[in-house]
C-alpha atoms as a PDB file:
ATOM      1  CA  MET A   1     -10.711 -27.102 -17.220  1.00  0.00           C
ATOM      2  CA  ARG A   2      -9.738 -23.684 -17.525  1.00  0.00           C
ATOM      3  CA  THR A   3      -6.257 -22.583 -18.134  1.00  0.00           C
ATOM      4  CA  TYR A   4      -5.448 -19.384 -16.609  1.00  0.00           C
ATOM      5  CA  ASP A   5      -2.603 -16.723 -17.517  1.00  0.00           C
ATOM      6  CA  LYS A   6       0.052 -17.207 -15.468  1.00  0.00           C
ATOM      7  CA  SER A   7       0.546 -13.553 -14.480  1.00  0.00           C
ATOM      8  CA  LEU A   8      -3.015 -13.813 -13.210  1.00  0.00           C
ATOM      9  CA  ILE A   9      -1.760 -16.743 -11.499  1.00  0.00           C
ATOM     10  CA  GLU A  10       0.884 -14.854  -9.679  1.00  0.00           C
ATOM     11  CA  VAL A  11      -1.303 -11.886  -8.727  1.00  0.00           C
ATOM     12  CA  TRP A  12      -3.455 -14.361  -6.953  1.00  0.00           C
ATOM     13  CA  GLU A  13      -0.771 -15.799  -4.904  1.00  0.00           C
ATOM     14  CA  TRP A  14       0.514 -12.367  -4.112  1.00  0.00           C
ATOM     15  CA  LYS A  15      -2.740 -11.551  -2.683  1.00  0.00           C
ATOM     16  CA  GLU A  16      -3.129 -14.846  -0.712  1.00  0.00           C
ATOM     17  CA  LYS A  17       0.347 -13.900   0.902  1.00  0.00           C
ATOM     18  CA  VAL A  18      -0.951 -10.895   1.673  1.00  0.00           C
ATOM     19  CA  TYR A  19      -4.210 -11.935   3.303  1.00  0.00           C
ATOM     20  CA  ASP A  20      -2.019 -14.558   5.412  1.00  0.00           C
ATOM     21  CA  GLU A  21      -0.085 -11.913   6.446  1.00  0.00           C
ATOM     22  CA  VAL A  22      -2.305  -9.319   8.180  1.00  0.00           C
ATOM     23  CA  LYS A  23      -5.721 -11.713   8.813  1.00  0.00           C
ATOM     24  CA  GLY A  24      -5.137 -12.057  12.217  1.00  0.00           C
ATOM     25  CA  LEU A  25      -4.172  -8.215  13.083  1.00  0.00           C
ATOM     26  CA  SER A  26      -6.727  -6.057  14.784  1.00  0.00           C
ATOM     27  CA  PRO A  27      -7.414  -2.767  12.853  1.00  0.00           C
ATOM     28  CA  GLU A  28      -5.311  -0.684  14.545  1.00  0.00           C
ATOM     29  CA  ASP A  29      -2.154  -3.187  13.907  1.00  0.00           C
ATOM     30  CA  TYR A  30      -3.463  -3.835  10.763  1.00  0.00           C
ATOM     31  CA  ILE A  31      -3.182   0.276   9.873  1.00  0.00           C
ATOM     32  CA  LYS A  32       0.372   0.151  11.625  1.00  0.00           C
ATOM     33  CA  LYS A  33       1.878  -2.483   9.477  1.00  0.00           C
ATOM     34  CA  ILE A  34       0.746  -0.596   6.279  1.00  0.00           C
ATOM     35  CA  LYS A  35       2.041   2.549   7.409  1.00  0.00           C
ATOM     36  CA  ASN A  36       5.401   0.920   8.319  1.00  0.00           C
ATOM     37  CA  ASP A  37       5.396  -1.320   5.340  1.00  0.00           C
ATOM     38  CA  ALA A  38       4.831   2.142   3.209  1.00  0.00           C
ATOM     39  CA  ASP A  39       7.900   3.937   5.205  1.00  0.00           C
ATOM     40  CA  THR A  40      10.011   1.174   4.530  1.00  0.00           C
ATOM     41  CA  ILE A  41       8.771   0.993   0.583  1.00  0.00           C
ATOM     42  CA  LEU A  42       9.587   4.966   0.152  1.00  0.00           C
ATOM     43  CA  SER A  43      12.912   4.863   2.398  1.00  0.00           C
ATOM     44  CA  ARG A  44      14.294   2.190   0.224  1.00  0.00           C
ATOM     45  CA  SER A  45      13.385   3.800  -3.254  1.00  0.00           C
ATOM     46  CA  HIS A  46      14.447   7.381  -1.919  1.00  0.00           C
ATOM     47  CA  VAL A  47      11.221   8.791  -2.152  1.00  0.00           C
ATOM     48  CA  GLU A  48      10.019  11.603   0.175  1.00  0.00           C
ATOM     49  CA  LEU A  49       6.325  12.799   0.148  1.00  0.00           C
ATOM     50  CA  VAL A  50       5.738  16.410   1.263  1.00  0.00           C
ATOM     51  CA  SER A  51       2.730  17.554   2.851  1.00  0.00           C
ATOM     52  CA  THR A  52       0.101  20.166   1.726  1.00  0.00           C
ATOM     53  CA  SER A  53      -3.026  21.514   2.639  1.00  0.00           C
ATOM     54  CA  PHE A  54      -6.093  22.446   0.864  1.00  0.00           C
ATOM     55  CA  SER A  55      -5.934  26.038   2.137  1.00  0.00           C
ATOM     56  CA  ASP A  56      -2.372  26.276   0.561  1.00  0.00           C
ATOM     57  CA  LYS A  57      -3.559  25.156  -2.846  1.00  0.00           C
ATOM     58  CA  ARG A  58      -6.535  27.172  -2.619  1.00  0.00           C
ATOM     59  CA  LYS A  59      -4.511  30.416  -1.919  1.00  0.00           C
ATOM     60  CA  LYS A  60      -2.376  29.373  -5.090  1.00  0.00           C
ATOM     61  CA  VAL A  61      -5.186  28.954  -7.720  1.00  0.00           C
ATOM     62  CA  ALA A  62      -7.076  31.884  -6.918  1.00  0.00           C
END
């Protein structure tokens, strides 16, 4: 019998939990859930993302 590291077992449990939460969702609902979860985490952590366009970056570099 193999012995696995405790951290690896925790990752497997986390992965299984996430799978159970999203396994019945349609692709649209899955995307909404991921976006809502990300927005919640970012706001809770006081992180604000700023959008930039590639054309603006191209102008600044050149």
